[in-house]
Amino acid sequence: MLRLLSFVLLSMLAFLALSACSSKTMPARQSLLIINQDFPVQETWEARVIFTDSGKIKATIYAPHVAQYARGGNTTEKHLDGAIEVHFYNSKGEHSSRLNARRGIIYPNNDIEVFDRVVMVSDDCTTVRTEYAKWTSKDQKIRSDKFVTIRRPTETLSGYGFESDQHFKNYRIFKATAVMKVRQAHEE
């Protein structure tokens, strides 16, 4: 019995030794690094992003979470989620308006799209509500092709399609559906 066990053990060792000396080459190892458009290459929490032009602050974004995605070459998109807030500044660097939304995307050209419960408020109390808006950094305008409501102290406008400067001083609705004037109560 001991001889049989010794023979089996020696046979197994010989088989292992001979198979280890095979001349077959091992296939090249695959990289464990996966860079895919569906996975972020970088994440940041409690982020603040500042946009400047010629040394002057144009906008500041605050976001609870930012995920950066590779989009081919050296380009990336920053996806913002949580209660994001954007502050806009005039040419003198003074605060002029703010924008709140649930999520957004910053593109490589610094354009920003925001989605879900978008509320924009100027320092003169003009309020714009919509579900989608896009700020283009080149002309610093905000646009939406969705339903919007604009409230000012003296009127409320609503309709589809919207364009404005980032300070909400000069705006227009493309397909107005309602205009309501608000009468001020006169004090006696």
Protein backbone atom coordinates (compact mmCIF):
# COMPACT_ATOMS: atom_id res chain seq x y z
CA MET A 1 0.00 0.00 0.00
CA LEU A 2 2.82 2.36 0.89
CA ARG A 3 4.51 1.50 -2.41
CA LEU A 4 1.35 2.29 -4.35
CA LEU A 5 0.95 5.63 -2.59
CA SER A 6 4.61 6.49 -3.25
CA PHE A 7 4.23 5.57 -6.92
CA VAL A 8 1.10 7.74 -7.32
CA LEU A 9 2.77 10.67 -5.56
CA LEU A 10 5.94 10.41 -7.69
CA SER A 11 3.84 10.15 -10.86
CA MET A 12 1.95 13.31 -9.96
CA LEU A 13 5.16 15.21 -9.21
CA ALA A 14 6.69 14.08 -12.50
CA PHE A 15 3.57 15.15 -14.41
CA LEU A 16 3.61 18.58 -12.76
CA ALA A 17 7.32 19.03 -13.44
CA LEU A 18 6.99 18.05 -17.10
CA SER A 19 3.93 20.22 -17.70
CA ALA A 20 5.67 23.22 -16.12
CA CYS A 21 8.47 22.95 -18.67
CA SER A 22 6.14 23.32 -21.63
CA SER A 23 7.31 25.48 -24.52
CA LYS A 24 3.89 27.10 -24.95
CA THR A 25 3.88 30.84 -24.38
CA MET A 26 1.42 32.41 -22.03
CA PRO A 27 -1.09 34.86 -23.54
CA ALA A 28 -0.42 38.54 -22.87
CA ARG A 29 -2.14 39.84 -19.75
CA GLN A 30 -5.00 42.22 -20.23
CA SER A 31 -4.76 45.57 -18.50
CA LEU A 32 -6.91 45.82 -15.42
CA LEU A 33 -7.47 49.53 -16.09
CA ILE A 34 -10.83 50.07 -17.73
CA ILE A 35 -11.50 53.50 -19.15
CA ASN A 36 -15.03 53.58 -20.39
CA GLN A 37 -17.51 56.34 -21.03
CA ASP A 38 -19.80 54.74 -18.45
CA PHE A 39 -17.32 54.95 -15.57
CA PRO A 40 -15.98 58.21 -14.10
CA VAL A 41 -12.23 58.76 -14.29
CA GLN A 42 -12.40 61.12 -11.31
CA GLU A 43 -14.94 62.03 -8.63
CA THR A 44 -15.11 64.99 -6.27
CA TRP A 45 -17.42 65.75 -3.38
CA GLU A 46 -18.42 69.22 -2.13
CA ALA A 47 -16.92 70.81 -5.24
CA ARG A 48 -16.59 74.44 -6.27
CA VAL A 49 -15.84 75.27 -9.92
CA ILE A 50 -14.94 78.86 -10.87
CA PHE A 51 -15.26 80.21 -14.44
CA THR A 52 -13.13 83.24 -15.26
CA ASP A 53 -12.50 85.36 -18.33
CA SER A 54 -9.49 87.70 -18.49
CA GLY A 55 -9.03 87.34 -14.74
CA LYS A 56 -12.65 88.21 -13.87
CA ILE A 57 -15.06 85.76 -12.27
CA LYS A 58 -18.02 85.03 -14.56
CA ALA A 59 -19.64 82.16 -12.64
CA THR A 60 -19.11 79.90 -9.64
CA ILE A 61 -20.67 76.44 -9.36
CA TYR A 62 -21.20 74.56 -6.11
CA ALA A 63 -22.07 70.84 -6.34
CA PRO A 64 -22.30 68.08 -3.72
CA HIS A 65 -20.90 65.55 -6.22
CA VAL A 66 -18.98 65.86 -9.51
CA ALA A 67 -18.09 62.83 -11.67
CA GLN A 68 -15.69 63.43 -14.56
CA TYR A 69 -16.03 61.20 -17.66
CA ALA A 70 -13.53 60.69 -20.50
CA ARG A 71 -15.05 61.49 -23.88
CA GLY A 72 -12.26 60.63 -26.30
CA GLY A 73 -8.84 62.23 -26.59
CA ASN A 74 -8.23 64.74 -23.83
CA THR A 75 -11.86 65.84 -23.52
CA THR A 76 -13.95 65.24 -20.44
CA GLU A 77 -17.43 66.03 -19.21
CA LYS A 78 -18.18 66.89 -15.62
CA HIS A 79 -21.52 65.54 -14.40
CA LEU A 80 -22.92 67.37 -11.37
CA ASP A 81 -25.58 65.98 -9.10
CA GLY A 82 -27.24 66.87 -5.86
CA ALA A 83 -28.51 70.36 -5.18
CA ILE A 84 -26.22 72.30 -7.54
CA GLU A 85 -26.02 76.07 -7.37
CA VAL A 86 -24.51 78.47 -9.92
CA HIS A 87 -23.75 82.12 -9.11
CA PHE A 88 -23.29 84.57 -11.99
CA TYR A 89 -21.33 87.84 -11.81
CA ASN A 90 -21.49 91.01 -13.92
CA SER A 91 -18.55 92.70 -15.67
CA LYS A 92 -17.62 94.48 -12.42
CA GLY A 93 -17.37 91.17 -10.57
CA GLU A 94 -20.58 91.82 -8.61
CA HIS A 95 -23.12 89.06 -7.99
CA SER A 96 -26.07 89.36 -10.42
CA SER A 97 -28.04 86.11 -10.32
CA ARG A 98 -28.11 82.50 -9.22
CA LEU A 99 -29.35 79.23 -10.65
CA ASN A 100 -30.35 76.06 -8.79
CA ALA A 101 -30.98 72.60 -10.26
CA ARG A 102 -30.78 68.95 -9.27
CA ARG A 103 -28.16 67.95 -11.84
CA GLY A 104 -26.05 69.30 -14.65
CA ILE A 105 -23.21 68.76 -17.12
CA ILE A 106 -20.16 70.96 -17.78
CA TYR A 107 -18.86 70.38 -21.32
CA PRO A 108 -15.24 70.82 -22.51
CA ASN A 109 -16.11 74.22 -24.06
CA ASN A 110 -17.43 75.30 -20.59
CA ASP A 111 -21.09 75.28 -21.65
CA ILE A 112 -23.36 74.09 -18.85
CA GLU A 113 -26.63 72.17 -19.12
CA VAL A 114 -28.87 71.87 -16.05
CA PHE A 115 -31.86 69.59 -15.51
CA ASP A 116 -34.67 68.93 -13.04
CA ARG A 117 -36.32 71.73 -11.07
CA VAL A 118 -34.26 74.54 -12.55
CA VAL A 119 -34.83 77.84 -10.73
CA MET A 120 -33.02 81.04 -11.74
CA VAL A 121 -33.27 84.19 -9.61
CA SER A 122 -31.79 87.59 -10.43
CA ASP A 123 -30.78 90.11 -7.78
CA ASP A 124 -33.81 92.24 -8.81
CA CYS A 125 -36.17 89.32 -7.90
CA THR A 126 -36.91 88.05 -11.42
CA THR A 127 -37.52 84.30 -11.06
CA VAL A 128 -37.42 81.79 -13.93
CA ARG A 129 -38.61 78.19 -13.47
CA THR A 130 -38.16 75.34 -15.97
CA GLU A 131 -37.00 71.72 -16.21
CA TYR A 132 -34.02 72.37 -18.51
CA ALA A 133 -31.65 75.22 -19.34
CA LYS A 134 -28.29 75.65 -21.06
CA TRP A 135 -25.74 78.41 -20.40
CA THR A 136 -23.32 79.01 -23.27
CA SER A 137 -20.02 80.43 -22.14
CA LYS A 138 -19.24 82.07 -25.50
CA ASP A 139 -22.16 84.53 -25.41
CA GLN A 140 -23.07 84.06 -21.70
CA LYS A 141 -26.73 83.45 -22.50
CA ILE A 142 -29.18 81.05 -20.93
CA ARG A 143 -31.61 79.17 -23.16
CA SER A 144 -34.36 76.59 -22.78
CA ASP A 145 -36.66 74.88 -25.25
CA LYS A 146 -38.96 73.63 -22.45
CA PHE A 147 -41.90 75.24 -20.68
CA VAL A 148 -40.82 78.25 -18.57
CA THR A 149 -42.46 80.59 -16.08
CA ILE A 150 -40.96 84.03 -15.43
CA ARG A 151 -42.12 86.00 -12.40
CA ARG A 152 -41.33 89.64 -11.80
CA PRO A 153 -42.83 91.89 -9.17
CA THR A 154 -45.25 93.33 -11.77
CA GLU A 155 -45.98 90.39 -14.10
CA THR A 156 -45.89 86.65 -14.66
CA LEU A 157 -45.11 85.23 -18.11
CA SER A 158 -45.15 81.62 -19.24
CA GLY A 159 -44.53 79.74 -22.45
CA TYR A 160 -42.23 77.46 -24.40
CA GLY A 161 -38.69 78.43 -25.32
CA PHE A 162 -36.64 81.04 -23.51
CA GLU A 163 -33.48 83.07 -24.03
CA SER A 164 -31.85 85.56 -21.68
CA ASP A 165 -28.59 87.13 -20.67
CA GLN A 166 -27.20 85.52 -17.52
CA HIS A 167 -28.41 88.46 -15.40
CA PHE A 168 -32.08 88.06 -16.56
CA LYS A 169 -32.25 91.72 -17.61
CA ASN A 170 -32.98 91.06 -21.30
CA TYR A 171 -35.09 87.98 -21.93
CA ARG A 172 -37.75 86.68 -24.26
CA ILE A 173 -40.16 83.76 -24.44
CA PHE A 174 -40.57 82.31 -27.94
CA LYS A 175 -44.10 80.86 -27.63
CA ALA A 176 -45.88 82.74 -24.87
CA THR A 177 -48.95 81.02 -23.45
CA ALA A 178 -49.88 83.47 -20.69
CA VAL A 179 -49.10 87.00 -19.54
CA MET A 180 -50.50 88.16 -16.23
CA LYS A 181 -50.10 91.64 -14.82
CA VAL A 182 -49.86 91.95 -11.06
CA ARG A 183 -51.59 94.98 -9.62
CA GLN A 184 -49.96 96.59 -6.66
CA ALA A 185 -52.28 97.43 -3.77
CA HIS A 186 -52.22 101.19 -3.12
CA GLU A 187 -51.57 102.24 0.41
CA GLU A 188 -53.84 104.97 1.78
